[in-house]
Amino acid sequence: MGLVSSIFTWPLAPVRTLMRLGELIQEQIDRELRNPAAVRRRLEEIEAARQAGTISEEEEREAVESILRQATGR
């Protein structure tokens, strides 16, 4: 039975591999978005941009909210 099922499922192996690769990439992205050091670094970059005058207060607020939403998983 194992040989027969292997023969029929073998053509799907590349699809399964690609799906698993996508899952691994998504897991890594989630870890990076929630990493406290990365969140702090992005918030510091936004603050520096605001102090330099390259973004407005509204843009700063929106960016900070977006980062915090991503960090909390909402």
PDB file of N, CA and C in Angstrom:
ATOM      1  N   MET A   1       0.823  -1.201   0.000  1.00  0.00           N
ATOM      2  CA  MET A   1       0.000   0.000   0.000  1.00  0.00           C
ATOM      3  C   MET A   1       0.862   1.257   0.000  1.00  0.00           C
ATOM      4  N   GLY A   2       1.969   1.248   0.726  1.00  0.00           N
ATOM      5  CA  GLY A   2       2.844   2.405   0.788  1.00  0.00           C
ATOM      6  C   GLY A   2       3.425   2.761  -0.572  1.00  0.00           C
ATOM      7  N   LEU A   3       3.786   1.766  -1.334  1.00  0.00           N
ATOM      8  CA  LEU A   3       4.347   1.998  -2.658  1.00  0.00           C
ATOM      9  C   LEU A   3       3.318   2.616  -3.590  1.00  0.00           C
ATOM     10  N   VAL A   4       2.087   2.112  -3.537  1.00  0.00           N
ATOM     11  CA  VAL A   4       1.026   2.629  -4.397  1.00  0.00           C
ATOM     12  C   VAL A   4       0.722   4.086  -4.043  1.00  0.00           C
ATOM     13  N   SER A   5       0.601   4.374  -2.748  1.00  0.00           N
ATOM     14  CA  SER A   5       0.296   5.756  -2.360  1.00  0.00           C
ATOM     15  C   SER A   5       1.458   6.683  -2.703  1.00  0.00           C
ATOM     16  N   SER A   6       2.689   6.193  -2.605  1.00  0.00           N
ATOM     17  CA  SER A   6       3.846   7.003  -2.980  1.00  0.00           C
ATOM     18  C   SER A   6       3.829   7.361  -4.463  1.00  0.00           C
ATOM     19  N   ILE A   7       3.441   6.411  -5.274  1.00  0.00           N
ATOM     20  CA  ILE A   7       3.390   6.645  -6.721  1.00  0.00           C
ATOM     21  C   ILE A   7       2.369   7.728  -7.058  1.00  0.00           C
ATOM     22  N   PHE A   8       1.222   7.699  -6.381  1.00  0.00           N
ATOM     23  CA  PHE A   8       0.179   8.669  -6.686  1.00  0.00           C
ATOM     24  C   PHE A   8       0.432  10.039  -6.060  1.00  0.00           C
ATOM     25  N   THR A   9       1.136  10.079  -4.937  1.00  0.00           N
ATOM     26  CA  THR A   9       1.372  11.367  -4.274  1.00  0.00           C
ATOM     27  C   THR A   9       2.697  12.006  -4.668  1.00  0.00           C
ATOM     28  N   TRP A  10       3.575  11.267  -5.329  1.00  0.00           N
ATOM     29  CA  TRP A  10       4.871  11.788  -5.722  1.00  0.00           C
ATOM     30  C   TRP A  10       4.778  13.069  -6.554  1.00  0.00           C
ATOM     31  N   PRO A  11       3.867  13.176  -7.505  1.00  0.00           N
ATOM     32  CA  PRO A  11       3.797  14.416  -8.296  1.00  0.00           C
ATOM     33  C   PRO A  11       3.464  15.652  -7.448  1.00  0.00           C
ATOM     34  N   LEU A  12       2.885  15.463  -6.273  1.00  0.00           N
ATOM     35  CA  LEU A  12       2.531  16.595  -5.422  1.00  0.00           C
ATOM     36  C   LEU A  12       3.678  17.034  -4.523  1.00  0.00           C
ATOM     37  N   ALA A  13       4.777  16.324  -4.490  1.00  0.00           N
ATOM     38  CA  ALA A  13       5.902  16.640  -3.606  1.00  0.00           C
ATOM     39  C   ALA A  13       6.422  18.070  -3.800  1.00  0.00           C
ATOM     40  N   PRO A  14       6.608  18.552  -5.029  1.00  0.00           N
ATOM     41  CA  PRO A  14       7.087  19.933  -5.185  1.00  0.00           C
ATOM     42  C   PRO A  14       6.105  20.965  -4.609  1.00  0.00           C
ATOM     43  N   VAL A  15       4.831  20.691  -4.745  1.00  0.00           N
ATOM     44  CA  VAL A  15       3.818  21.609  -4.212  1.00  0.00           C
ATOM     45  C   VAL A  15       3.897  21.628  -2.690  1.00  0.00           C
ATOM     46  N   ARG A  16       4.011  20.457  -2.079  1.00  0.00           N
ATOM     47  CA  ARG A  16       4.133  20.389  -0.615  1.00  0.00           C
ATOM     48  C   ARG A  16       5.396  21.102  -0.133  1.00  0.00           C
ATOM     49  N   THR A  17       6.489  20.917  -0.858  1.00  0.00           N
ATOM     50  CA  THR A  17       7.752  21.570  -0.500  1.00  0.00           C
ATOM     51  C   THR A  17       7.607  23.082  -0.589  1.00  0.00           C
ATOM     52  N   LEU A  18       6.990  23.560  -1.630  1.00  0.00           N
ATOM     53  CA  LEU A  18       6.789  24.995  -1.799  1.00  0.00           C
ATOM     54  C   LEU A  18       5.883  25.554  -0.702  1.00  0.00           C
ATOM     55  N   MET A  19       4.848  24.818  -0.336  1.00  0.00           N
ATOM     56  CA  MET A  19       3.954  25.261   0.732  1.00  0.00           C
ATOM     57  C   MET A  19       4.706  25.332   2.061  1.00  0.00           C
ATOM     58  N   ARG A  20       5.538  24.346   2.338  1.00  0.00           N
ATOM     59  CA  ARG A  20       6.309  24.344   3.586  1.00  0.00           C
ATOM     60  C   ARG A  20       7.300  25.500   3.597  1.00  0.00           C
ATOM     61  N   LEU A  21       7.919  25.777   2.474  1.00  0.00           N
ATOM     62  CA  LEU A  21       8.840  26.901   2.386  1.00  0.00           C
ATOM     63  C   LEU A  21       8.115  28.207   2.680  1.00  0.00           C
ATOM     64  N   GLY A  22       6.917  28.374   2.140  1.00  0.00           N
ATOM     65  CA  GLY A  22       6.115  29.564   2.420  1.00  0.00           C
ATOM     66  C   GLY A  22       5.781  29.687   3.896  1.00  0.00           C
ATOM     67  N   GLU A  23       5.465  28.547   4.533  1.00  0.00           N
ATOM     68  CA  GLU A  23       5.171  28.561   5.969  1.00  0.00           C
ATOM     69  C   GLU A  23       6.394  28.970   6.776  1.00  0.00           C
ATOM     70  N   LEU A  24       7.556  28.454   6.405  1.00  0.00           N
ATOM     71  CA  LEU A  24       8.790  28.812   7.112  1.00  0.00           C
ATOM     72  C   LEU A  24       9.112  30.300   6.964  1.00  0.00           C
ATOM     73  N   ILE A  25       8.914  30.834   5.768  1.00  0.00           N
ATOM     74  CA  ILE A  25       9.154  32.261   5.538  1.00  0.00           C
ATOM     75  C   ILE A  25       8.196  33.096   6.367  1.00  0.00           C
ATOM     76  N   GLN A  26       6.931  32.700   6.417  1.00  0.00           N
ATOM     77  CA  GLN A  26       5.945  33.432   7.212  1.00  0.00           C
ATOM     78  C   GLN A  26       6.289  33.390   8.702  1.00  0.00           C
ATOM     79  N   GLU A  27       6.738  32.237   9.185  1.00  0.00           N
ATOM     80  CA  GLU A  27       7.134  32.125  10.592  1.00  0.00           C
ATOM     81  C   GLU A  27       8.301  33.061  10.908  1.00  0.00           C
ATOM     82  N   GLN A  28       9.283  33.138   9.996  1.00  0.00           N
ATOM     83  CA  GLN A  28      10.433  34.020  10.206  1.00  0.00           C
ATOM     84  C   GLN A  28      10.003  35.482  10.201  1.00  0.00           C
ATOM     85  N   ILE A  29       9.108  35.844   9.312  1.00  0.00           N
ATOM     86  CA  ILE A  29       8.600  37.220   9.263  1.00  0.00           C
ATOM     87  C   ILE A  29       7.871  37.555  10.554  1.00  0.00           C
ATOM     88  N   ASP A  30       7.052  36.636  11.040  1.00  0.00           N
ATOM     89  CA  ASP A  30       6.330  36.866  12.295  1.00  0.00           C
ATOM     90  C   ASP A  30       7.294  37.055  13.458  1.00  0.00           C
ATOM     91  N   ARG A  31       8.349  36.220  13.503  1.00  0.00           N
ATOM     92  CA  ARG A  31       9.336  36.366  14.586  1.00  0.00           C
ATOM     93  C   ARG A  31      10.006  37.728  14.512  1.00  0.00           C
ATOM     94  N   GLU A  32      10.361  38.159  13.319  1.00  0.00           N
ATOM     95  CA  GLU A  32      11.043  39.450  13.156  1.00  0.00           C
ATOM     96  C   GLU A  32      10.129  40.608  13.522  1.00  0.00           C
ATOM     97  N   LEU A  33       8.861  40.533  13.136  1.00  0.00           N
ATOM     98  CA  LEU A  33       7.936  41.621  13.443  1.00  0.00           C
ATOM     99  C   LEU A  33       7.677  41.753  14.937  1.00  0.00           C
ATOM    100  N   ARG A  34       7.777  40.644  15.653  1.00  0.00           N
ATOM    101  CA  ARG A  34       7.486  40.658  17.089  1.00  0.00           C
ATOM    102  C   ARG A  34       8.731  40.737  17.951  1.00  0.00           C
ATOM    103  N   ASN A  35       9.904  40.720  17.352  1.00  0.00           N
ATOM    104  CA  ASN A  35      11.164  40.803  18.083  1.00  0.00           C
ATOM    105  C   ASN A  35      11.270  42.180  18.741  1.00  0.00           C
ATOM    106  N   PRO A  36      11.374  42.231  20.068  1.00  0.00           N
ATOM    107  CA  PRO A  36      11.422  43.531  20.754  1.00  0.00           C
ATOM    108  C   PRO A  36      12.541  44.450  20.272  1.00  0.00           C
ATOM    109  N   ALA A  37      13.697  43.895  19.968  1.00  0.00           N
ATOM    110  CA  ALA A  37      14.809  44.717  19.492  1.00  0.00           C
ATOM    111  C   ALA A  37      14.488  45.327  18.127  1.00  0.00           C
ATOM    112  N   ALA A  38      13.871  44.550  17.251  1.00  0.00           N
ATOM    113  CA  ALA A  38      13.523  45.055  15.923  1.00  0.00           C
ATOM    114  C   ALA A  38      12.426  46.116  16.021  1.00  0.00           C
ATOM    115  N   VAL A  39      11.454  45.887  16.910  1.00  0.00           N
ATOM    116  CA  VAL A  39      10.382  46.872  17.098  1.00  0.00           C
ATOM    117  C   VAL A  39      10.972  48.183  17.608  1.00  0.00           C
ATOM    118  N   ARG A  40      11.847  48.074  18.600  1.00  0.00           N
ATOM    119  CA  ARG A  40      12.473  49.280  19.154  1.00  0.00           C
ATOM    120  C   ARG A  40      13.272  50.023  18.085  1.00  0.00           C
ATOM    121  N   ARG A  41      14.023  49.281  17.272  1.00  0.00           N
ATOM    122  CA  ARG A  41      14.833  49.901  16.213  1.00  0.00           C
ATOM    123  C   ARG A  41      13.945  50.651  15.216  1.00  0.00           C
ATOM    124  N   ARG A  42      12.822  50.041  14.822  1.00  0.00           N
ATOM    125  CA  ARG A  42      11.921  50.706  13.877  1.00  0.00           C
ATOM    126  C   ARG A  42      11.291  51.952  14.504  1.00  0.00           C
ATOM    127  N   LEU A  43      10.930  51.862  15.782  1.00  0.00           N
ATOM    128  CA  LEU A  43      10.363  53.033  16.455  1.00  0.00           C
ATOM    129  C   LEU A  43      11.394  54.159  16.560  1.00  0.00           C
ATOM    130  N   GLU A  44      12.649  53.803  16.821  1.00  0.00           N
ATOM    131  CA  GLU A  44      13.715  54.810  16.885  1.00  0.00           C
ATOM    132  C   GLU A  44      13.947  55.450  15.519  1.00  0.00           C
ATOM    133  N   GLU A  45      13.851  54.656  14.454  1.00  0.00           N
ATOM    134  CA  GLU A  45      14.008  55.200  13.103  1.00  0.00           C
ATOM    135  C   GLU A  45      12.900  56.198  12.789  1.00  0.00           C
ATOM    136  N   ILE A  46      11.691  55.879  13.213  1.00  0.00           N
ATOM    137  CA  ILE A  46      10.557  56.789  12.987  1.00  0.00           C
ATOM    138  C   ILE A  46      10.759  58.080  13.769  1.00  0.00           C
ATOM    139  N   GLU A  47      11.204  57.947  15.013  1.00  0.00           N
ATOM    140  CA  GLU A  47      11.442  59.135  15.832  1.00  0.00           C
ATOM    141  C   GLU A  47      12.531  60.009  15.229  1.00  0.00           C
ATOM    142  N   ALA A  48      13.588  59.386  14.724  1.00  0.00           N
ATOM    143  CA  ALA A  48      14.668  60.146  14.093  1.00  0.00           C
ATOM    144  C   ALA A  48      14.166  60.850  12.836  1.00  0.00           C
ATOM    145  N   ALA A  49      13.332  60.182  12.060  1.00  0.00           N
ATOM    146  CA  ALA A  49      12.781  60.796  10.848  1.00  0.00           C
ATOM    147  C   ALA A  49      11.901  61.990  11.207  1.00  0.00           C
ATOM    148  N   ARG A  50      11.153  61.868  12.278  1.00  0.00           N
ATOM    149  CA  ARG A  50      10.295  62.981  12.717  1.00  0.00           C
ATOM    150  C   ARG A  50      11.143  64.149  13.178  1.00  0.00           C
ATOM    151  N   GLN A  51      12.197  63.888  13.933  1.00  0.00           N
ATOM    152  CA  GLN A  51      13.078  64.955  14.399  1.00  0.00           C
ATOM    153  C   GLN A  51      13.816  65.626  13.244  1.00  0.00           C
ATOM    154  N   ALA A  52      14.113  64.854  12.203  1.00  0.00           N
ATOM    155  CA  ALA A  52      14.781  65.411  11.031  1.00  0.00           C
ATOM    156  C   ALA A  52      13.807  66.171  10.141  1.00  0.00           C
ATOM    157  N   GLY A  53      12.524  66.001  10.398  1.00  0.00           N
ATOM    158  CA  GLY A  53      11.518  66.710   9.620  1.00  0.00           C
ATOM    159  C   GLY A  53      11.146  66.048   8.314  1.00  0.00           C
ATOM    160  N   THR A  54      11.519  64.787   8.146  1.00  0.00           N
ATOM    161  CA  THR A  54      11.205  64.106   6.883  1.00  0.00           C
ATOM    162  C   THR A  54       9.805  63.507   6.872  1.00  0.00           C
ATOM    163  N   ILE A  55       9.197  63.384   8.058  1.00  0.00           N
ATOM    164  CA  ILE A  55       7.810  62.928   8.129  1.00  0.00           C
ATOM    165  C   ILE A  55       7.028  63.853   9.055  1.00  0.00           C
ATOM    166  N   SER A  56       5.741  63.909   8.846  1.00  0.00           N
ATOM    167  CA  SER A  56       4.885  64.767   9.662  1.00  0.00           C
ATOM    168  C   SER A  56       4.476  64.036  10.950  1.00  0.00           C
ATOM    169  N   GLU A  57       3.850  64.769  11.853  1.00  0.00           N
ATOM    170  CA  GLU A  57       3.352  64.153  13.088  1.00  0.00           C
ATOM    171  C   GLU A  57       2.329  63.074  12.778  1.00  0.00           C
ATOM    172  N   GLU A  58       1.475  63.350  11.807  1.00  0.00           N
ATOM    173  CA  GLU A  58       0.450  62.374  11.419  1.00  0.00           C
ATOM    174  C   GLU A  58       1.085  61.100  10.881  1.00  0.00           C
ATOM    175  N   GLU A  59       2.090  61.242  10.014  1.00  0.00           N
ATOM    176  CA  GLU A  59       2.779  60.073   9.470  1.00  0.00           C
ATOM    177  C   GLU A  59       3.492  59.296  10.577  1.00  0.00           C
ATOM    178  N   GLU A  60       4.070  60.021  11.518  1.00  0.00           N
ATOM    179  CA  GLU A  60       4.733  59.370  12.648  1.00  0.00           C
ATOM    180  C   GLU A  60       3.726  58.555  13.454  1.00  0.00           C
ATOM    181  N   ARG A  61       2.599  59.150  13.760  1.00  0.00           N
ATOM    182  CA  ARG A  61       1.576  58.475  14.552  1.00  0.00           C
ATOM    183  C   ARG A  61       1.084  57.216  13.829  1.00  0.00           C
ATOM    184  N   GLU A  62       0.824  57.338  12.538  1.00  0.00           N
ATOM    185  CA  GLU A  62       0.349  56.191  11.763  1.00  0.00           C
ATOM    186  C   GLU A  62       1.396  55.076  11.719  1.00  0.00           C
ATOM    187  N   ALA A  63       2.660  55.457  11.544  1.00  0.00           N
ATOM    188  CA  ALA A  63       3.738  54.464  11.479  1.00  0.00           C
ATOM    189  C   ALA A  63       3.896  53.749  12.819  1.00  0.00           C
ATOM    190  N   VAL A  64       3.846  54.500  13.910  1.00  0.00           N
ATOM    191  CA  VAL A  64       3.970  53.898  15.238  1.00  0.00           C
ATOM    192  C   VAL A  64       2.797  52.956  15.496  1.00  0.00           C
ATOM    193  N   GLU A  65       1.594  53.374  15.159  1.00  0.00           N
ATOM    194  CA  GLU A  65       0.431  52.505  15.335  1.00  0.00           C
ATOM    195  C   GLU A  65       0.563  51.232  14.521  1.00  0.00           C
ATOM    196  N   SER A  66       1.035  51.342  13.298  1.00  0.00           N
ATOM    197  CA  SER A  66       1.210  50.185  12.441  1.00  0.00           C
ATOM    198  C   SER A  66       2.223  49.200  13.042  1.00  0.00           C
ATOM    199  N   ILE A  67       3.335  49.719  13.515  1.00  0.00           N
ATOM    200  CA  ILE A  67       4.364  48.863  14.108  1.00  0.00           C
ATOM    201  C   ILE A  67       3.823  48.165  15.349  1.00  0.00           C
ATOM    202  N   LEU A  68       3.116  48.904  16.181  1.00  0.00           N
ATOM    203  CA  LEU A  68       2.582  48.314  17.402  1.00  0.00           C
ATOM    204  C   LEU A  68       1.498  47.278  17.100  1.00  0.00           C
ATOM    205  N   ARG A  69       0.698  47.510  16.061  1.00  0.00           N
ATOM    206  CA  ARG A  69      -0.290  46.507  15.646  1.00  0.00           C
ATOM    207  C   ARG A  69       0.393  45.221  15.198  1.00  0.00           C
ATOM    208  N   GLN A  70       1.443  45.376  14.404  1.00  0.00           N
ATOM    209  CA  GLN A  70       2.176  44.207  13.917  1.00  0.00           C
ATOM    210  C   GLN A  70       2.833  43.456  15.079  1.00  0.00           C
ATOM    211  N   ALA A  71       3.373  44.206  16.029  1.00  0.00           N
ATOM    212  CA  ALA A  71       4.073  43.585  17.149  1.00  0.00           C
ATOM    213  C   ALA A  71       3.125  42.828  18.071  1.00  0.00           C
ATOM    214  N   THR A  72       1.894  43.284  18.151  1.00  0.00           N
ATOM    215  CA  THR A  72       0.934  42.609  19.030  1.00  0.00           C
ATOM    216  C   THR A  72       0.097  41.590  18.271  1.00  0.00           C
ATOM    217  N   GLY A  73       0.275  41.508  16.964  1.00  0.00           N
ATOM    218  CA  GLY A  73      -0.433  40.497  16.175  1.00  0.00           C
ATOM    219  C   GLY A  73      -1.854  40.844  15.832  1.00  0.00           C
ATOM    220  N   ARG A  74      -2.223  42.089  15.882  1.00  0.00           N
ATOM    221  CA  ARG A  74      -3.606  42.493  15.560  1.00  0.00           C
ATOM    222  C   ARG A  74      -3.753  42.840  14.110  1.00  0.00           C
TER     223      ARG A  74
END
